Amino acid sequence: MLKLPYRLRLNDLFVYDDGNLVYRKTGRTAGGRSCSHGYHRTTVDGVLYFTHRLIYKLVHGEDPEYVDHVNGDRADNRITNLRSVSKKENERNVKRHSTNTTGHTGVYKFGDRRWRAQICVDDKHIHLGTYDTLPEALQARKDAEKKYGFHANHGRASL
């Protein structure tokens, strides 16, 4: 992970204003949505950083392993929407994959009439069972998410 600039340097350059970094000298908003994945990025001393990581460092003074956008909106850099997490925690708050066909993460059609539920924990796929109805499979998946500590937003629809 790219080491962030010192907090003092960030404080010399920027002021945090409701999800934005603002240049102290000009009053202009720093950075922009230039990343193909929807993240804002900002250049500091010739190096390009994710803006949400700079904001977290400026406000909290620490280099987080990962910064999670709690609501899943990668452009929402309000400090109340950012939290420091481990890689494991970050993976437990992801959007539903674009290739999902059932509309429910970890539940898929199995054969003509049955539903299968699964969950991935620590890079291991865990089979949760095969069910006659979609609601049964969904309940198995929800129970597993709770058991393994997934974030309540995990598997939400893309914004």
Foldseek 3Di string as FASTA:
>chain_A
DDDDDFLVQLVQAFDDDQQFTAGPVPRHTAFDQPDPVRFTWGDDPRDIDGVLQSVCCNVPVDRAQDWAQQLARRSRSGVVRIDRDHPQQNLLQHEADPPDDPLFPQWDDDPDFKIWGWDAHPNDIDTQDIGRDPVVRRVSNVVVSVVRVRRPNGHHHHD
